[in-house]
Amino acid sequence: MFKIENESELRQCFRPIDRDTLEIPGRIKFPLFVRDYLAWRESSGHRTYLVVTDPESQKTLGVAFRNDSASTPVTRHCEWCHSSGGSSQIGLLVADASDRKSVGIHLCRDLSCQAKLESRSQLTGENTRLLARTLNGRISDFLKRCLF
C-alpha cells in the first residue's frame, strides 16, 4: 500500500516524457491510499495511466500508455493478468520509452487486472494476495525492462 498526498505528488510520479499528456480525473480525492496500483483512462479513451510502487526501491512510478485503435474483433490475452477478451477489452497499450522508441504490450485496456484476479480467486479459491504479488511482479518487471 502507498499514499499520494496531493495532485502535485501524483504528477511527480510520472516520467517527464508522460507529464505533458497527463489528465488526472476530477474524481480522484487526496490524500489517496492505493493498495496495489492505481489506473485510469482519460475521458477520450486514448490514454490509460498507471501508478505503481517498485517493490525493490519503494519508489512510486507512473506511466502513460496510448491505446491502439481496435479495428478488428480479435480475441487477445493480457500479458499481466492472463485474462482473455475481445479487442475492445484487451489491446495493445504503447508507452514511449524515449523520444525515439516506443514499447507496446497487450493488456486489459482499462488495466482492471487486479479486479479480474480478485474475481478469479473467488471462483477458484486461489490466494488473492499471491495473485496480486504475481501481478505486481509482472508490472514491475515490464517497467524496469522497458521503461525505467
N, C-alpha and C. Protein backbone atom coordinates (compact mmCIF):
# COMPACT_ATOMS: atom_id res chain seq x y z
N MET A 1 0.85 -1.17 0.00
CA MET A 1 0.00 0.00 0.00
C MET A 1 0.90 1.24 0.00
N PHE A 2 0.45 2.26 -0.73
CA PHE A 2 1.19 3.51 -0.72
C PHE A 2 0.21 4.68 -0.70
N LYS A 3 0.74 5.84 -0.36
CA LYS A 3 -0.08 7.04 -0.19
C LYS A 3 0.44 8.15 -1.08
N ILE A 4 -0.49 8.85 -1.73
CA ILE A 4 -0.15 10.02 -2.53
C ILE A 4 -0.89 11.20 -1.91
N GLU A 5 -0.13 12.18 -1.46
CA GLU A 5 -0.68 13.29 -0.68
C GLU A 5 -1.52 14.27 -1.48
N ASN A 6 -1.08 14.60 -2.72
CA ASN A 6 -1.77 15.64 -3.48
C ASN A 6 -1.52 15.47 -4.97
N GLU A 7 -2.15 16.32 -5.77
CA GLU A 7 -2.03 16.22 -7.22
C GLU A 7 -0.59 16.45 -7.69
N SER A 8 0.10 17.35 -7.05
CA SER A 8 1.49 17.62 -7.42
C SER A 8 2.36 16.37 -7.22
N GLU A 9 2.16 15.69 -6.12
CA GLU A 9 2.92 14.46 -5.86
C GLU A 9 2.57 13.38 -6.88
N LEU A 10 1.29 13.30 -7.26
CA LEU A 10 0.88 12.33 -8.29
C LEU A 10 1.56 12.65 -9.61
N ARG A 11 1.58 13.90 -10.00
CA ARG A 11 2.25 14.29 -11.26
C ARG A 11 3.73 13.94 -11.24
N GLN A 12 4.39 14.11 -10.09
CA GLN A 12 5.81 13.84 -9.98
C GLN A 12 6.13 12.35 -10.09
N CYS A 13 5.15 11.48 -9.88
CA CYS A 13 5.35 10.03 -10.03
C CYS A 13 5.63 9.66 -11.48
N PHE A 14 5.10 10.46 -12.40
CA PHE A 14 5.19 10.15 -13.83
C PHE A 14 6.54 10.57 -14.40
N ARG A 15 6.95 9.82 -15.39
CA ARG A 15 8.18 10.14 -16.10
C ARG A 15 8.00 11.50 -16.79
N PRO A 16 9.05 12.29 -16.92
CA PRO A 16 8.92 13.60 -17.58
C PRO A 16 8.30 13.49 -18.97
N ILE A 17 8.59 12.42 -19.69
CA ILE A 17 8.06 12.24 -21.04
C ILE A 17 6.53 12.09 -21.04
N ASP A 18 5.94 11.70 -19.89
CA ASP A 18 4.49 11.48 -19.79
C ASP A 18 3.73 12.64 -19.15
N ARG A 19 4.42 13.53 -18.49
CA ARG A 19 3.74 14.57 -17.71
C ARG A 19 2.92 15.53 -18.56
N ASP A 20 3.36 15.82 -19.79
CA ASP A 20 2.63 16.76 -20.64
C ASP A 20 1.27 16.24 -21.07
N THR A 21 1.12 14.93 -21.15
CA THR A 21 -0.14 14.35 -21.60
C THR A 21 -1.05 13.94 -20.45
N LEU A 22 -0.57 14.08 -19.23
CA LEU A 22 -1.29 13.58 -18.06
C LEU A 22 -2.61 14.30 -17.85
N GLU A 23 -3.68 13.53 -17.75
CA GLU A 23 -5.02 14.04 -17.46
C GLU A 23 -5.52 13.34 -16.20
N ILE A 24 -5.55 14.07 -15.08
CA ILE A 24 -5.99 13.49 -13.81
C ILE A 24 -7.48 13.73 -13.67
N PRO A 25 -8.25 12.66 -13.47
CA PRO A 25 -9.71 12.83 -13.36
C PRO A 25 -10.11 13.56 -12.08
N GLY A 26 -11.17 14.32 -12.15
CA GLY A 26 -11.65 15.07 -11.00
C GLY A 26 -12.15 14.21 -9.87
N ARG A 27 -12.46 12.95 -10.16
CA ARG A 27 -12.99 12.05 -9.12
C ARG A 27 -11.92 11.60 -8.13
N ILE A 28 -10.65 11.81 -8.44
CA ILE A 28 -9.57 11.42 -7.53
C ILE A 28 -9.49 12.44 -6.41
N LYS A 29 -9.61 11.97 -5.18
CA LYS A 29 -9.55 12.82 -4.00
C LYS A 29 -8.28 12.50 -3.21
N PHE A 30 -7.67 13.54 -2.67
CA PHE A 30 -6.41 13.40 -1.94
C PHE A 30 -6.64 13.67 -0.46
N PRO A 31 -5.83 13.05 0.42
CA PRO A 31 -4.78 12.08 0.12
C PRO A 31 -5.38 10.79 -0.43
N LEU A 32 -4.60 10.12 -1.24
CA LEU A 32 -5.04 8.92 -1.94
C LEU A 32 -4.26 7.72 -1.40
N PHE A 33 -4.98 6.72 -0.92
CA PHE A 33 -4.36 5.49 -0.43
C PHE A 33 -4.57 4.41 -1.48
N VAL A 34 -3.49 3.82 -1.96
CA VAL A 34 -3.53 2.85 -3.05
C VAL A 34 -3.03 1.51 -2.54
N ARG A 35 -3.83 0.47 -2.74
CA ARG A 35 -3.46 -0.85 -2.24
C ARG A 35 -2.34 -1.48 -3.07
N ASP A 36 -2.56 -1.68 -4.35
CA ASP A 36 -1.54 -2.31 -5.20
C ASP A 36 -1.07 -1.39 -6.32
N TYR A 37 -2.01 -0.84 -7.07
CA TYR A 37 -1.67 0.12 -8.12
C TYR A 37 -2.90 0.95 -8.41
N LEU A 38 -2.69 2.06 -9.09
CA LEU A 38 -3.76 2.97 -9.48
C LEU A 38 -3.76 3.04 -11.00
N ALA A 39 -4.93 2.92 -11.61
CA ALA A 39 -5.04 3.02 -13.06
C ALA A 39 -6.32 3.73 -13.43
N TRP A 40 -6.27 4.50 -14.51
CA TRP A 40 -7.47 5.14 -15.03
C TRP A 40 -7.27 5.46 -16.51
N ARG A 41 -8.41 5.61 -17.20
CA ARG A 41 -8.39 6.00 -18.61
C ARG A 41 -8.82 7.45 -18.69
N GLU A 42 -8.19 8.20 -19.58
CA GLU A 42 -8.62 9.58 -19.75
C GLU A 42 -9.98 9.62 -20.42
N SER A 43 -10.64 10.75 -20.35
CA SER A 43 -12.02 10.85 -20.83
C SER A 43 -12.18 10.50 -22.31
N SER A 44 -11.16 10.78 -23.12
CA SER A 44 -11.25 10.45 -24.55
C SER A 44 -11.03 8.97 -24.82
N GLY A 45 -10.44 8.26 -23.85
CA GLY A 45 -10.14 6.84 -24.03
C GLY A 45 -8.86 6.58 -24.78
N HIS A 46 -8.14 7.63 -25.18
CA HIS A 46 -6.91 7.46 -25.95
C HIS A 46 -5.72 7.05 -25.09
N ARG A 47 -5.75 7.39 -23.81
CA ARG A 47 -4.63 7.06 -22.94
C ARG A 47 -5.13 6.36 -21.67
N THR A 48 -4.28 5.48 -21.17
CA THR A 48 -4.52 4.79 -19.90
C THR A 48 -3.29 5.06 -19.04
N TYR A 49 -3.53 5.41 -17.78
CA TYR A 49 -2.44 5.78 -16.88
C TYR A 49 -2.29 4.73 -15.78
N LEU A 50 -1.05 4.50 -15.38
CA LEU A 50 -0.73 3.52 -14.35
C LEU A 50 0.23 4.14 -13.35
N VAL A 51 -0.06 3.95 -12.05
CA VAL A 51 0.84 4.36 -10.97
C VAL A 51 1.04 3.14 -10.08
N VAL A 52 2.28 2.78 -9.83
CA VAL A 52 2.61 1.59 -9.05
C VAL A 52 3.88 1.87 -8.25
N THR A 53 4.09 1.13 -7.18
CA THR A 53 5.32 1.26 -6.41
C THR A 53 6.26 0.13 -6.79
N ASP A 54 7.51 0.49 -7.07
CA ASP A 54 8.54 -0.51 -7.34
C ASP A 54 8.82 -1.27 -6.04
N PRO A 55 8.66 -2.61 -6.04
CA PRO A 55 8.85 -3.35 -4.80
C PRO A 55 10.26 -3.27 -4.22
N GLU A 56 11.26 -3.07 -5.04
CA GLU A 56 12.63 -3.01 -4.55
C GLU A 56 12.98 -1.65 -3.96
N SER A 57 12.74 -0.58 -4.72
CA SER A 57 13.13 0.76 -4.28
C SER A 57 12.03 1.47 -3.49
N GLN A 58 10.81 0.96 -3.57
CA GLN A 58 9.63 1.59 -2.96
C GLN A 58 9.33 2.95 -3.58
N LYS A 59 9.89 3.23 -4.75
CA LYS A 59 9.64 4.48 -5.46
C LYS A 59 8.33 4.34 -6.23
N THR A 60 7.51 5.38 -6.21
CA THR A 60 6.25 5.36 -6.94
C THR A 60 6.51 5.78 -8.38
N LEU A 61 6.06 4.94 -9.32
CA LEU A 61 6.32 5.14 -10.74
C LEU A 61 5.01 5.32 -11.50
N GLY A 62 4.96 6.27 -12.41
CA GLY A 62 3.78 6.48 -13.24
C GLY A 62 4.12 6.40 -14.71
N VAL A 63 3.21 5.80 -15.50
CA VAL A 63 3.41 5.64 -16.94
C VAL A 63 2.10 5.95 -17.66
N ALA A 64 2.21 6.64 -18.78
CA ALA A 64 1.06 6.90 -19.65
C ALA A 64 1.16 5.97 -20.85
N PHE A 65 0.09 5.22 -21.11
CA PHE A 65 0.01 4.33 -22.27
C PHE A 65 -0.96 4.92 -23.29
N ARG A 66 -0.62 4.81 -24.56
CA ARG A 66 -1.56 5.12 -25.65
C ARG A 66 -2.28 3.84 -26.01
N ASN A 67 -3.58 3.94 -26.26
CA ASN A 67 -4.36 2.77 -26.68
C ASN A 67 -4.35 2.68 -28.19
N ASP A 68 -4.09 1.49 -28.71
CA ASP A 68 -4.18 1.32 -30.15
C ASP A 68 -5.64 1.38 -30.55
N SER A 69 -5.90 1.61 -31.81
CA SER A 69 -7.28 1.62 -32.28
C SER A 69 -7.65 0.20 -32.71
N ALA A 70 -8.64 -0.35 -32.05
CA ALA A 70 -9.06 -1.73 -32.33
C ALA A 70 -9.98 -1.72 -33.54
N SER A 71 -9.49 -2.21 -34.65
CA SER A 71 -10.30 -2.20 -35.86
C SER A 71 -10.91 -3.57 -36.16
N THR A 72 -10.28 -4.64 -35.70
CA THR A 72 -10.81 -5.97 -35.95
C THR A 72 -11.16 -6.65 -34.63
N PRO A 73 -12.29 -7.34 -34.58
CA PRO A 73 -12.70 -8.02 -33.33
C PRO A 73 -11.93 -9.33 -33.14
N VAL A 74 -10.76 -9.22 -32.54
CA VAL A 74 -9.88 -10.37 -32.33
C VAL A 74 -9.79 -10.65 -30.83
N THR A 75 -9.78 -11.91 -30.45
CA THR A 75 -9.59 -12.28 -29.05
C THR A 75 -8.11 -12.16 -28.72
N ARG A 76 -7.84 -11.53 -27.57
CA ARG A 76 -6.46 -11.31 -27.16
C ARG A 76 -6.27 -11.78 -25.72
N HIS A 77 -5.02 -11.80 -25.29
CA HIS A 77 -4.61 -12.30 -23.98
C HIS A 77 -3.82 -11.21 -23.28
N CYS A 78 -4.21 -10.82 -22.05
CA CYS A 78 -3.48 -9.82 -21.27
C CYS A 78 -2.19 -10.44 -20.74
N GLU A 79 -1.09 -9.78 -20.97
CA GLU A 79 0.20 -10.31 -20.55
C GLU A 79 0.45 -10.17 -19.05
N TRP A 80 -0.37 -9.38 -18.36
CA TRP A 80 -0.19 -9.22 -16.92
C TRP A 80 -1.11 -10.13 -16.11
N CYS A 81 -2.42 -10.16 -16.41
CA CYS A 81 -3.33 -10.97 -15.59
C CYS A 81 -3.76 -12.25 -16.29
N HIS A 82 -3.39 -12.40 -17.56
CA HIS A 82 -3.68 -13.59 -18.37
C HIS A 82 -5.17 -13.77 -18.64
N SER A 83 -5.95 -12.69 -18.58
CA SER A 83 -7.35 -12.74 -18.98
C SER A 83 -7.42 -12.71 -20.50
N SER A 84 -8.50 -13.25 -21.03
CA SER A 84 -8.73 -13.19 -22.47
C SER A 84 -9.97 -12.36 -22.72
N GLY A 85 -10.00 -11.72 -23.88
CA GLY A 85 -11.16 -10.91 -24.23
C GLY A 85 -11.02 -10.36 -25.63
N GLY A 86 -12.08 -9.74 -26.08
CA GLY A 86 -12.08 -9.14 -27.40
C GLY A 86 -11.22 -7.89 -27.45
N SER A 87 -11.05 -7.37 -28.65
CA SER A 87 -10.17 -6.21 -28.83
C SER A 87 -10.71 -4.96 -28.16
N SER A 88 -11.97 -4.93 -27.78
CA SER A 88 -12.48 -3.77 -27.05
C SER A 88 -12.08 -3.85 -25.57
N GLN A 89 -11.71 -5.05 -25.09
CA GLN A 89 -11.33 -5.23 -23.69
C GLN A 89 -9.82 -5.31 -23.49
N ILE A 90 -9.15 -5.97 -24.42
CA ILE A 90 -7.70 -6.18 -24.33
C ILE A 90 -7.08 -5.70 -25.63
N GLY A 91 -6.08 -4.85 -25.50
CA GLY A 91 -5.46 -4.31 -26.70
C GLY A 91 -4.01 -3.96 -26.48
N LEU A 92 -3.41 -3.46 -27.51
CA LEU A 92 -2.02 -3.06 -27.46
C LEU A 92 -1.94 -1.68 -26.80
N LEU A 93 -1.28 -1.61 -25.65
CA LEU A 93 -1.02 -0.34 -24.99
C LEU A 93 0.44 0.00 -25.24
N VAL A 94 0.68 1.23 -25.64
CA VAL A 94 2.01 1.65 -26.07
C VAL A 94 2.49 2.79 -25.19
N ALA A 95 3.73 2.69 -24.71
CA ALA A 95 4.34 3.75 -23.91
C ALA A 95 5.63 4.19 -24.59
N ASP A 96 5.93 5.47 -24.49
CA ASP A 96 7.17 5.98 -25.04
C ASP A 96 8.31 5.65 -24.09
N ALA A 97 9.31 4.95 -24.59
CA ALA A 97 10.49 4.66 -23.79
C ALA A 97 11.46 5.83 -23.87
N SER A 98 11.41 6.55 -24.98
CA SER A 98 12.23 7.75 -25.18
C SER A 98 11.58 8.54 -26.32
N ASP A 99 12.25 9.60 -26.75
CA ASP A 99 11.72 10.38 -27.87
C ASP A 99 11.71 9.58 -29.17
N ARG A 100 12.53 8.53 -29.24
CA ARG A 100 12.69 7.79 -30.48
C ARG A 100 12.22 6.34 -30.40
N LYS A 101 11.81 5.88 -29.23
CA LYS A 101 11.46 4.47 -29.06
C LYS A 101 10.17 4.33 -28.27
N SER A 102 9.28 3.47 -28.77
CA SER A 102 8.03 3.14 -28.07
C SER A 102 7.99 1.65 -27.82
N VAL A 103 7.29 1.27 -26.74
CA VAL A 103 7.18 -0.14 -26.36
C VAL A 103 5.71 -0.46 -26.21
N GLY A 104 5.27 -1.57 -26.79
CA GLY A 104 3.88 -1.97 -26.69
C GLY A 104 3.72 -3.31 -26.00
N ILE A 105 2.57 -3.50 -25.34
CA ILE A 105 2.27 -4.74 -24.65
C ILE A 105 0.76 -4.93 -24.66
N HIS A 106 0.30 -6.16 -24.85
CA HIS A 106 -1.13 -6.45 -24.83
C HIS A 106 -1.61 -6.55 -23.38
N LEU A 107 -2.53 -5.64 -23.02
CA LEU A 107 -3.05 -5.55 -21.66
C LEU A 107 -4.55 -5.28 -21.67
N CYS A 108 -5.17 -5.45 -20.52
CA CYS A 108 -6.55 -5.01 -20.34
C CYS A 108 -6.56 -3.50 -20.60
N ARG A 109 -7.43 -3.03 -21.47
CA ARG A 109 -7.41 -1.62 -21.86
C ARG A 109 -7.60 -0.67 -20.69
N ASP A 110 -8.37 -1.08 -19.68
CA ASP A 110 -8.61 -0.23 -18.51
C ASP A 110 -7.70 -0.59 -17.34
N LEU A 111 -6.78 -1.52 -17.54
CA LEU A 111 -5.85 -2.02 -16.52
C LEU A 111 -6.60 -2.50 -15.27
N SER A 112 -7.71 -3.17 -15.49
CA SER A 112 -8.51 -3.72 -14.38
C SER A 112 -8.04 -5.12 -14.00
N CYS A 113 -6.79 -5.39 -14.20
CA CYS A 113 -6.22 -6.71 -13.93
C CYS A 113 -6.47 -7.16 -12.49
N GLN A 114 -6.27 -6.26 -11.54
CA GLN A 114 -6.44 -6.62 -10.13
C GLN A 114 -7.86 -7.09 -9.85
N ALA A 115 -8.85 -6.37 -10.34
CA ALA A 115 -10.26 -6.76 -10.13
C ALA A 115 -10.55 -8.11 -10.78
N LYS A 116 -9.98 -8.36 -11.95
CA LYS A 116 -10.19 -9.64 -12.63
C LYS A 116 -9.57 -10.78 -11.83
N LEU A 117 -8.40 -10.55 -11.26
CA LEU A 117 -7.77 -11.60 -10.46
C LEU A 117 -8.52 -11.84 -9.16
N GLU A 118 -9.07 -10.80 -8.56
CA GLU A 118 -9.88 -10.97 -7.35
C GLU A 118 -11.13 -11.79 -7.65
N SER A 119 -11.78 -11.52 -8.78
CA SER A 119 -12.95 -12.31 -9.19
C SER A 119 -12.57 -13.76 -9.43
N ARG A 120 -11.43 -13.95 -10.10
CA ARG A 120 -10.95 -15.31 -10.37
C ARG A 120 -10.69 -16.06 -9.07
N SER A 121 -10.09 -15.39 -8.09
CA SER A 121 -9.78 -16.06 -6.83
C SER A 121 -11.04 -16.46 -6.08
N GLN A 122 -12.10 -15.68 -6.21
CA GLN A 122 -13.37 -16.04 -5.57
C GLN A 122 -13.97 -17.29 -6.21
N LEU A 123 -13.77 -17.44 -7.50
CA LEU A 123 -14.32 -18.60 -8.21
C LEU A 123 -13.47 -19.86 -8.02
N THR A 124 -12.15 -19.69 -7.95
CA THR A 124 -11.26 -20.84 -7.92
C THR A 124 -10.67 -21.16 -6.55
N GLY A 125 -10.77 -20.21 -5.62
CA GLY A 125 -10.20 -20.42 -4.30
C GLY A 125 -8.72 -20.10 -4.23
N GLU A 126 -8.15 -19.55 -5.31
CA GLU A 126 -6.74 -19.17 -5.29
C GLU A 126 -6.52 -18.05 -4.29
N ASN A 127 -5.31 -17.93 -3.78
CA ASN A 127 -4.95 -16.91 -2.81
C ASN A 127 -4.88 -15.55 -3.49
N THR A 128 -5.75 -14.62 -3.07
CA THR A 128 -5.83 -13.29 -3.68
C THR A 128 -4.53 -12.52 -3.55
N ARG A 129 -3.90 -12.55 -2.38
CA ARG A 129 -2.67 -11.79 -2.18
C ARG A 129 -1.52 -12.37 -3.00
N LEU A 130 -1.49 -13.69 -3.17
CA LEU A 130 -0.45 -14.29 -4.00
C LEU A 130 -0.64 -13.87 -5.46
N LEU A 131 -1.89 -13.86 -5.93
CA LEU A 131 -2.17 -13.41 -7.29
C LEU A 131 -1.77 -11.95 -7.46
N ALA A 132 -2.05 -11.12 -6.45
CA ALA A 132 -1.70 -9.69 -6.50
C ALA A 132 -0.18 -9.51 -6.55
N ARG A 133 0.56 -10.27 -5.75
CA ARG A 133 2.03 -10.18 -5.78
C ARG A 133 2.59 -10.60 -7.14
N THR A 134 2.00 -11.64 -7.71
CA THR A 134 2.45 -12.09 -9.04
C THR A 134 2.18 -11.01 -10.08
N LEU A 135 0.99 -10.42 -10.02
CA LEU A 135 0.64 -9.34 -10.95
C LEU A 135 1.59 -8.16 -10.78
N ASN A 136 1.82 -7.73 -9.56
CA ASN A 136 2.73 -6.60 -9.32
C ASN A 136 4.14 -6.91 -9.79
N GLY A 137 4.56 -8.16 -9.67
CA GLY A 137 5.87 -8.56 -10.18
C GLY A 137 5.94 -8.42 -11.70
N ARG A 138 4.88 -8.83 -12.39
CA ARG A 138 4.86 -8.70 -13.86
C ARG A 138 4.89 -7.24 -14.28
N ILE A 139 4.13 -6.41 -13.57
CA ILE A 139 4.10 -4.98 -13.88
C ILE A 139 5.49 -4.39 -13.68
N SER A 140 6.09 -4.63 -12.52
CA SER A 140 7.42 -4.09 -12.20
C SER A 140 8.47 -4.57 -13.19
N ASP A 141 8.39 -5.85 -13.55
CA ASP A 141 9.35 -6.40 -14.50
C ASP A 141 9.26 -5.68 -15.83
N PHE A 142 8.05 -5.47 -16.34
CA PHE A 142 7.88 -4.75 -17.60
C PHE A 142 8.42 -3.33 -17.50
N LEU A 143 8.07 -2.62 -16.44
CA LEU A 143 8.51 -1.24 -16.29
C LEU A 143 10.03 -1.15 -16.24
N LYS A 144 10.67 -2.02 -15.49
CA LYS A 144 12.14 -2.00 -15.36
C LYS A 144 12.82 -2.37 -16.67
N ARG A 145 12.32 -3.41 -17.33
CA ARG A 145 12.95 -3.87 -18.57
C ARG A 145 12.79 -2.87 -19.71
N CYS A 146 11.63 -2.22 -19.76
CA CYS A 146 11.30 -1.45 -20.97
C CYS A 146 11.26 0.07 -20.81
N LEU A 147 11.00 0.56 -19.60
CA LEU A 147 10.72 2.00 -19.49
C LEU A 147 11.59 2.76 -18.48
N PHE A 148 12.10 2.09 -17.47
CA PHE A 148 12.87 2.81 -16.44
C PHE A 148 14.29 2.31 -16.37
